[in-house]
Amino acid sequence: MRNFIQKALNKLSKLDKEQIRTLLFDLASENELMEVVLDSLVDGILVVDLDNKLITFNRTADKLICFKVNDPSDCIIWDAVEDRDIAEFIKNVLKNGERVTEEEFTLNYSGTIRTICFDIMPLVKKGSIQGSVIIVSDITERKRKEARLRRAESLASLTTLAAGVAHEIKNPLGSIGIHIQLMQKSLKMNKSLTEETAGKYLDIINEEIERLNEIIVDFLFAVRPMNTNLKLSHINSVVSDLLDFVKYELKNSNINIHTDLDPNISKIYMDEKFVKQAILNIIKNAEAAMPQGGTLTVKTSEGDGLVHLEIKDTGIGISEENMGKIFEPYFTTKQFGSGLGLTVVYKIIKEHSGEILLESKEGEGTTFTINFPLPQRDKKLLDWQAENEV
């Protein structure tokens, strides 16, 4: 149809009134069809020209964005938007010619909290930029599903952790029970206990009680919310401070440290105390995996809206069988260890809205990659008034 119309427009001077009338009717029909399609979309669509004037928008966009005027057509887009934060965001993006994906804002619509996100991209025709396209999506339900999924994951993790605690508690409780029975047996047979025998039994009972206490302390740390104090900080500084702290210990273990820290990476929100603990736990694991010595490589970089921290060792590696269990509570391949070190790492990274990835091959080493999100624009609760639909 478009090719037909284009050919007809090229021959406009040769068309009679009836043919021009038919052409205009076809153009109006195609334009009406385009409006129907746009209004049927669940996402809001706004199109602006090179002067950032609003050319067209669909019905969903009109619902999701509060405009200052009844008809914002031909208005500068950021002058037509009621909310200051959203208007300033659109203005900065369009003036800087940026491409943005999933920038979120939270709104209050008639007492209902909604989350919307913006995607802004150039409008290109035949290789030339003609303006910009703004896509507005209501992601409220998606956010709710993500929250429910996080709660389900937390419950599953708590169940696994509780099962691990129950298993760990059995051993010291069993030992305490056995030695109390031995004391009772001695009293029954001898009617008395020597100080030496009683002291031996009581020492063992005290040791097991201490083990129980450590298990409970570790459990509480794993399940309680962390009281994090997030501040903008450079991950390079945290890494450097920690490596200075452990370098002599690693040197004594014949482990060489190699660093590749990108000096241009952005600051991220973190609690330095907890992040240092997470990195230290990984380094301790790496040290245990290199009993004959080796190389520890620590690298930082930035990309895809994330700051990456990579910690790599040349140790014994992890078997495929154990790869899926490595972050589970009380799982350990060490002869001595609580099995909570990497569980704590996982919890700390999640508290920072980050992600931890693991790559390993037996006999070659292990690499942990931690991805921290870059700071996002502050969100605002917006009083959003919309016209009642008829």
Protein backbone atom coordinates (compact mmCIF):
# COMPACT_ATOMS: atom_id res chain seq x y z
CA MET A 1 0.00 0.00 0.00
CA ARG A 2 2.80 2.43 0.87
CA ASN A 3 4.56 1.79 -2.43
CA PHE A 4 1.31 2.46 -4.25
CA ILE A 5 0.78 5.74 -2.37
CA GLN A 6 4.36 6.84 -2.98
CA LYS A 7 4.00 6.21 -6.72
CA ALA A 8 0.69 8.08 -6.72
CA LEU A 9 2.27 11.06 -4.92
CA ASN A 10 5.02 11.17 -7.54
CA LYS A 11 2.34 11.52 -10.21
CA LEU A 12 0.17 13.91 -8.22
CA SER A 13 0.23 16.62 -10.87
CA LYS A 14 -1.27 14.21 -13.40
CA LEU A 15 -4.13 13.02 -11.18
CA ASP A 16 -7.68 14.29 -11.52
CA LYS A 17 -9.89 15.31 -8.58
CA GLU A 18 -11.43 11.87 -8.15
CA GLN A 19 -8.05 10.16 -8.12
CA ILE A 20 -6.74 12.70 -5.59
CA ARG A 21 -9.84 12.12 -3.47
CA THR A 22 -9.23 8.36 -3.55
CA LEU A 23 -5.58 8.89 -2.67
CA LEU A 24 -6.47 11.07 0.32
CA PHE A 25 -9.02 8.48 1.47
CA ASP A 26 -6.35 5.75 1.28
CA LEU A 27 -3.90 7.90 3.20
CA ALA A 28 -6.49 8.60 5.90
CA SER A 29 -7.35 4.89 6.14
CA GLU A 30 -3.71 3.91 6.53
CA ASN A 31 -3.15 6.61 9.13
CA GLU A 32 -6.25 5.46 11.04
CA LEU A 33 -4.99 1.86 10.95
CA MET A 34 -1.63 2.96 12.33
CA GLU A 35 -3.36 4.81 15.20
CA VAL A 36 -5.48 1.75 16.00
CA VAL A 37 -2.37 -0.45 16.11
CA LEU A 38 -0.51 2.02 18.32
CA ASP A 39 -3.48 2.41 20.67
CA SER A 40 -3.73 -1.38 20.97
CA LEU A 41 -0.19 -1.68 22.34
CA VAL A 42 0.24 -2.30 26.08
CA ASP A 43 3.32 -0.05 26.09
CA GLY A 44 3.22 3.70 25.70
CA ILE A 45 4.82 5.09 22.53
CA LEU A 46 5.90 8.71 22.09
CA VAL A 47 7.69 10.05 19.01
CA VAL A 48 9.54 13.38 18.95
CA ASP A 49 11.26 15.16 16.08
CA LEU A 50 14.79 16.59 15.92
CA ASP A 51 13.56 19.69 17.77
CA ASN A 52 12.26 17.40 20.55
CA LYS A 53 8.66 18.35 19.78
CA LEU A 54 6.06 15.64 20.37
CA ILE A 55 4.84 14.35 17.00
CA THR A 56 2.58 11.53 18.10
CA PHE A 57 1.75 9.33 21.09
CA ASN A 58 -0.64 6.49 21.78
CA ARG A 59 -3.39 6.04 24.34
CA THR A 60 -1.23 4.03 26.75
CA ALA A 61 1.39 6.79 26.87
CA ASP A 62 -1.36 9.26 27.71
CA LYS A 63 -2.37 7.04 30.66
CA LEU A 64 1.15 6.41 31.96
CA ILE A 65 2.45 9.97 31.74
CA CYS A 66 0.75 12.98 33.26
CA PHE A 67 0.83 15.87 30.76
CA LYS A 68 0.44 19.52 31.73
CA VAL A 69 -1.89 20.24 28.80
CA ASN A 70 -4.82 18.39 27.27
CA ASP A 71 -3.12 18.13 23.87
CA PRO A 72 0.68 18.06 24.14
CA SER A 73 1.17 17.65 20.38
CA ASP A 74 3.84 19.99 18.95
CA CYS A 75 5.03 20.80 22.50
CA ILE A 76 8.63 20.32 23.59
CA ILE A 77 8.34 16.91 25.25
CA TRP A 78 9.90 17.83 28.60
CA ASP A 79 7.81 21.00 28.83
CA ALA A 80 4.66 18.93 28.39
CA VAL A 81 5.43 16.41 31.16
CA GLU A 82 4.04 17.27 34.61
CA ASP A 83 6.54 15.40 36.78
CA ARG A 84 9.83 17.28 37.19
CA ASP A 85 12.04 14.23 37.62
CA ILE A 86 10.70 12.51 34.52
CA ALA A 87 10.82 15.74 32.52
CA GLU A 88 14.43 16.39 33.56
CA PHE A 89 15.39 12.79 32.77
CA ILE A 90 13.89 12.97 29.25
CA LYS A 91 15.48 16.38 28.67
CA ASN A 92 18.98 15.19 29.63
CA VAL A 93 18.74 12.02 27.55
CA LEU A 94 17.44 13.73 24.41
CA LYS A 95 19.83 16.69 24.62
CA ASN A 96 22.81 14.38 25.07
CA GLY A 97 21.67 12.06 22.30
CA GLU A 98 21.83 9.06 24.63
CA ARG A 99 20.18 5.67 24.31
CA VAL A 100 18.55 4.50 27.56
CA THR A 101 16.94 1.20 28.57
CA GLU A 102 14.75 0.42 31.57
CA GLU A 103 15.07 3.63 33.56
CA GLU A 104 12.54 3.16 36.36
CA PHE A 105 10.27 5.60 38.19
CA THR A 106 7.70 4.89 40.89
CA LEU A 107 4.34 6.63 40.81
CA ASN A 108 1.35 6.91 43.11
CA TYR A 109 -1.87 6.70 41.10
CA SER A 110 -5.02 7.14 43.17
CA GLY A 111 -3.39 5.41 46.14
CA THR A 112 -1.94 2.57 44.03
CA ILE A 113 1.82 2.36 43.67
CA ARG A 114 2.96 1.68 40.10
CA THR A 115 6.41 1.32 38.59
CA ILE A 116 7.05 2.45 35.04
CA CYS A 117 10.23 2.28 32.99
CA PHE A 118 11.49 4.25 30.02
CA ASP A 119 13.38 3.11 26.93
CA ILE A 120 14.62 5.90 24.67
CA MET A 121 16.20 5.29 21.26
CA PRO A 122 16.83 7.24 18.05
CA LEU A 123 14.22 7.31 15.28
CA VAL A 124 16.12 6.34 12.13
CA LYS A 125 14.95 6.59 8.54
CA LYS A 126 17.22 5.53 5.65
CA GLY A 127 20.29 5.78 7.88
CA SER A 128 19.46 9.28 9.10
CA ILE A 129 18.22 10.19 12.59
CA GLN A 130 14.84 11.88 12.37
CA GLY A 131 14.08 12.19 16.07
CA SER A 132 13.58 9.87 19.02
CA VAL A 133 11.20 7.14 20.14
CA ILE A 134 10.23 6.91 23.82
CA ILE A 135 8.70 3.64 25.05
CA VAL A 136 6.97 3.67 28.45
CA SER A 137 6.10 0.36 30.12
CA ASP A 138 4.11 -0.41 33.25
CA ILE A 139 6.27 -3.02 35.01
CA THR A 140 4.37 -3.05 38.30
CA GLU A 141 3.24 -6.68 37.98
CA ARG A 142 6.70 -7.80 36.89
CA LYS A 143 8.17 -6.17 39.99
CA ARG A 144 5.59 -7.91 42.17
CA LYS A 145 6.42 -11.28 40.62
CA GLU A 146 10.13 -10.65 41.16
CA ALA A 147 9.44 -9.79 44.81
CA ARG A 148 7.39 -12.98 45.25
CA LEU A 149 10.17 -14.99 43.64
CA ARG A 150 12.74 -13.45 45.96
CA ARG A 151 10.58 -14.33 48.95
CA ALA A 152 10.22 -17.91 47.69
CA GLU A 153 13.98 -18.16 47.18
CA SER A 154 14.55 -16.78 50.67
CA LEU A 155 12.17 -19.36 52.15
CA ALA A 156 13.87 -22.18 50.23
CA SER A 157 17.28 -20.97 51.39
CA LEU A 158 16.06 -20.76 54.98
CA THR A 159 14.70 -24.31 54.77
CA THR A 160 18.04 -25.59 53.46
CA LEU A 161 19.89 -23.64 56.13
CA ALA A 162 17.64 -24.94 58.89
CA ALA A 163 18.20 -28.51 57.69
CA GLY A 164 21.96 -27.90 57.77
CA VAL A 165 21.78 -26.48 61.29
CA ALA A 166 19.75 -29.47 62.48
CA HIS A 167 22.36 -31.80 61.02
CA GLU A 168 25.25 -29.88 62.60
CA ILE A 169 23.57 -29.73 66.01
CA LYS A 170 23.10 -33.50 66.17
CA ASN A 171 26.81 -34.26 66.59
CA PRO A 172 27.58 -32.04 69.62
CA LEU A 173 24.24 -32.92 71.24
CA GLY A 174 25.02 -36.61 70.77
CA SER A 175 28.46 -36.16 72.27
CA ILE A 176 27.05 -34.28 75.27
CA GLY A 177 24.43 -36.99 75.80
CA ILE A 178 27.03 -39.77 75.66
CA HIS A 179 29.32 -38.16 78.24
CA ILE A 180 26.45 -37.40 80.59
CA GLN A 181 25.48 -41.08 80.35
CA LEU A 182 29.08 -42.06 81.14
CA MET A 183 29.02 -39.81 84.19
CA GLN A 184 25.71 -41.33 85.29
CA LYS A 185 27.08 -44.84 84.75
CA SER A 186 30.18 -44.07 86.82
CA LEU A 187 28.05 -42.68 89.64
CA LYS A 188 25.79 -45.72 89.57
CA MET A 189 28.70 -48.17 89.65
CA ASN A 190 31.07 -46.36 91.99
CA LYS A 191 28.60 -44.16 93.86
CA SER A 192 31.08 -41.32 93.22
CA LEU A 193 33.20 -39.62 90.55
CA THR A 194 36.83 -38.70 90.87
CA GLU A 195 37.69 -35.10 90.17
CA GLU A 196 39.91 -36.19 87.28
CA THR A 197 37.20 -38.27 85.59
CA ALA A 198 34.50 -35.65 86.11
CA GLY A 199 36.83 -32.92 84.82
CA LYS A 200 37.59 -34.92 81.67
CA TYR A 201 33.88 -35.41 80.93
CA LEU A 202 33.01 -31.80 81.72
CA ASP A 203 35.79 -30.46 79.50
CA ILE A 204 34.38 -32.41 76.56
CA ILE A 205 30.83 -31.22 77.35
CA ASN A 206 32.04 -27.60 77.52
CA GLU A 207 33.77 -27.99 74.13
CA GLU A 208 30.57 -29.33 72.57
CA ILE A 209 28.53 -26.51 74.12
CA GLU A 210 30.95 -24.04 72.53
CA ARG A 211 30.49 -25.80 69.19
CA LEU A 212 26.72 -25.43 69.58
CA ASN A 213 27.13 -21.74 70.32
CA GLU A 214 29.26 -21.23 67.18
CA ILE A 215 26.68 -23.05 65.06
CA ILE A 216 23.90 -20.79 66.38
CA VAL A 217 25.98 -17.62 65.88
CA ASP A 218 26.74 -18.62 62.27
CA PHE A 219 23.11 -19.48 61.67
CA LEU A 220 21.88 -16.13 62.98
CA PHE A 221 24.38 -14.26 60.81
CA ALA A 222 23.18 -16.20 57.76
CA VAL A 223 19.46 -15.55 58.32
CA ARG A 224 19.30 -12.09 59.88
CA PRO A 225 19.08 -9.06 57.59
CA MET A 226 22.39 -7.26 57.38
CA ASN A 227 22.54 -3.77 58.77
CA THR A 228 24.38 -2.43 55.74
CA ASN A 229 25.53 1.17 55.50
CA LEU A 230 25.80 1.74 51.76
CA LYS A 231 28.05 4.56 50.57
CA LEU A 232 29.54 5.48 47.21
CA SER A 233 33.00 3.92 47.19
CA HIS A 234 35.66 2.66 44.78
CA ILE A 235 35.95 -1.12 44.70
CA ASN A 236 39.64 -0.70 43.79
CA SER A 237 40.35 0.90 47.18
CA VAL A 238 38.61 -1.93 49.02
CA VAL A 239 40.53 -4.54 47.03
CA SER A 240 43.89 -2.79 47.54
CA ASP A 241 43.38 -2.43 51.30
CA LEU A 242 42.44 -6.08 51.66
CA LEU A 243 45.33 -7.36 49.55
CA ASP A 244 47.76 -5.30 51.66
CA PHE A 245 46.28 -7.04 54.71
CA VAL A 246 46.69 -10.62 53.38
CA LYS A 247 49.81 -10.30 51.19
CA TYR A 248 52.26 -11.57 53.85
CA GLU A 249 50.08 -14.56 54.66
CA LEU A 250 49.78 -15.40 50.94
CA LYS A 251 53.52 -14.92 50.47
CA ASN A 252 54.18 -17.44 53.24
CA SER A 253 51.92 -19.85 51.36
CA ASN A 254 53.97 -19.30 48.14
CA ILE A 255 51.07 -17.53 46.46
CA ASN A 256 51.84 -14.66 44.07
CA ILE A 257 49.34 -11.81 43.74
CA HIS A 258 48.63 -10.31 40.32
CA THR A 259 46.30 -7.30 40.08
CA ASP A 260 44.66 -5.65 37.07
CA LEU A 261 42.53 -2.85 38.53
CA ASP A 262 40.83 -0.52 36.05
CA PRO A 263 41.48 3.03 37.37
CA ASN A 264 38.53 4.46 35.41
CA ILE A 265 35.70 2.39 36.89
CA SER A 266 32.79 4.17 38.55
CA LYS A 267 32.00 4.28 42.24
CA ILE A 268 29.31 1.92 43.51
CA TYR A 269 27.10 1.81 46.57
CA MET A 270 28.51 -0.66 49.09
CA ASP A 271 29.26 -1.34 52.70
CA GLU A 272 33.05 -1.67 52.68
CA LYS A 273 33.09 -3.80 55.83
CA PHE A 274 30.84 -6.50 54.36
CA VAL A 275 32.39 -6.39 50.87
CA LYS A 276 35.85 -6.87 52.41
CA GLN A 277 34.48 -9.87 54.32
CA ALA A 278 33.10 -11.39 51.11
CA ILE A 279 36.38 -10.89 49.21
CA LEU A 280 38.40 -12.22 52.16
CA ASN A 281 36.29 -15.40 52.28
CA ILE A 282 36.91 -16.00 48.57
CA ILE A 283 40.65 -15.38 48.99
CA LYS A 284 40.75 -17.80 51.95
CA ASN A 285 39.09 -20.43 49.76
CA ALA A 286 41.62 -19.73 47.01
CA GLU A 287 44.51 -20.09 49.47
CA ALA A 288 43.15 -23.45 50.66
CA ALA A 289 42.84 -24.56 47.02
CA MET A 290 46.56 -23.84 46.39
CA PRO A 291 48.36 -25.88 49.10
CA GLN A 292 51.56 -25.96 47.01
CA GLY A 293 51.34 -22.28 46.09
CA GLY A 294 50.20 -20.60 42.89
CA THR A 295 48.88 -17.30 41.55
CA LEU A 296 45.94 -15.23 42.73
CA THR A 297 44.68 -12.78 40.10
CA VAL A 298 42.33 -9.94 41.04
CA LYS A 299 40.84 -7.84 38.24
CA THR A 300 38.27 -5.03 38.08
CA SER A 301 36.44 -3.66 35.05
CA GLU A 302 33.22 -1.94 34.03
CA GLY A 303 30.64 -2.66 31.35
CA ASP A 304 26.94 -3.24 30.65
CA GLY A 305 25.93 -1.07 33.61
CA LEU A 306 27.99 -3.17 36.03
CA VAL A 307 31.28 -3.06 37.89
CA HIS A 308 33.00 -6.45 37.64
CA LEU A 309 35.34 -7.93 40.25
CA GLU A 310 37.13 -11.11 39.17
CA ILE A 311 39.12 -13.29 41.60
CA LYS A 312 40.98 -16.16 39.97
CA ASP A 313 43.24 -18.86 41.44
CA THR A 314 45.38 -21.61 39.95
CA GLY A 315 44.32 -24.17 42.51
CA ILE A 316 42.84 -27.66 42.46
CA GLY A 317 39.50 -26.49 41.07
CA ILE A 318 35.98 -27.73 41.82
CA SER A 319 34.39 -30.89 40.44
CA GLU A 320 31.28 -30.63 38.29
CA GLU A 321 29.45 -32.62 40.95
CA ASN A 322 30.14 -29.94 43.58
CA MET A 323 29.70 -26.84 41.39
CA GLY A 324 25.96 -26.62 42.10
CA LYS A 325 26.43 -27.06 45.86
CA ILE A 326 29.24 -24.59 46.47
CA PHE A 327 27.00 -21.81 47.86
CA GLU A 328 24.79 -24.14 49.92
CA PRO A 329 24.96 -23.76 53.72
CA TYR A 330 27.22 -26.23 55.53
CA PHE A 331 28.63 -27.68 52.31
CA THR A 332 32.41 -27.89 52.45
CA THR A 333 35.17 -29.98 50.89
CA LYS A 334 37.66 -28.92 53.57
CA GLN A 335 38.63 -31.19 56.46
CA PHE A 336 38.02 -28.29 58.84
CA GLY A 337 35.51 -25.57 58.03
CA SER A 338 32.02 -24.40 58.86
CA GLY A 339 30.72 -24.65 55.31
CA LEU A 340 29.25 -21.15 55.63
CA GLY A 341 32.07 -19.09 54.08
CA LEU A 342 30.66 -18.94 50.55
CA THR A 343 27.09 -18.85 51.86
CA VAL A 344 28.03 -15.61 53.63
CA VAL A 345 29.66 -14.33 50.41
CA TYR A 346 26.47 -15.05 48.47
CA LYS A 347 24.34 -13.29 51.09
CA ILE A 348 26.58 -10.20 51.15
CA ILE A 349 26.57 -9.87 47.36
CA LYS A 350 22.77 -10.24 47.24
CA GLU A 351 22.43 -7.57 49.93
CA HIS A 352 24.29 -5.29 47.51
CA SER A 353 21.90 -6.22 44.65
CA GLY A 354 24.84 -7.90 42.99
CA GLU A 355 25.48 -11.24 41.32
CA ILE A 356 28.23 -13.81 41.83
CA LEU A 357 29.28 -16.24 39.08
CA LEU A 358 31.54 -19.27 39.34
CA GLU A 359 33.77 -20.95 36.76
CA SER A 360 36.06 -23.83 37.64
CA LYS A 361 37.90 -26.78 36.19
CA GLU A 362 39.55 -29.51 38.21
CA GLY A 363 43.31 -29.21 38.19
CA GLU A 364 43.28 -25.74 36.58
CA GLY A 365 41.69 -23.37 39.08
CA THR A 366 38.59 -21.39 39.94
CA THR A 367 37.30 -17.94 39.02
CA PHE A 368 34.69 -16.00 41.01
CA THR A 369 33.16 -13.01 39.21
CA ILE A 370 31.14 -10.52 41.25
CA ASN A 371 28.96 -8.02 39.38
CA PHE A 372 27.89 -4.88 41.23
CA PRO A 373 25.19 -2.63 39.68
CA LEU A 374 26.08 0.97 38.89
CA PRO A 375 24.13 3.59 40.89
CA GLN A 376 20.68 4.34 39.48
CA ARG A 377 18.82 7.63 39.37
CA ASP A 378 16.82 8.32 42.52
CA LYS A 379 13.18 7.34 42.15
CA LYS A 380 10.33 9.62 43.15
CA LEU A 381 6.81 9.00 44.35
CA LEU A 382 4.61 11.04 42.06
CA ASP A 383 1.07 12.18 42.72
CA TRP A 384 -0.47 11.22 39.42
CA GLN A 385 -3.95 12.47 38.52
CA ALA A 386 -5.57 11.17 35.40
CA GLU A 387 -8.85 11.90 33.75
CA ASN A 388 -11.61 9.39 34.36
CA GLU A 389 -12.24 7.23 31.36
CA VAL A 390 -15.72 7.32 29.96
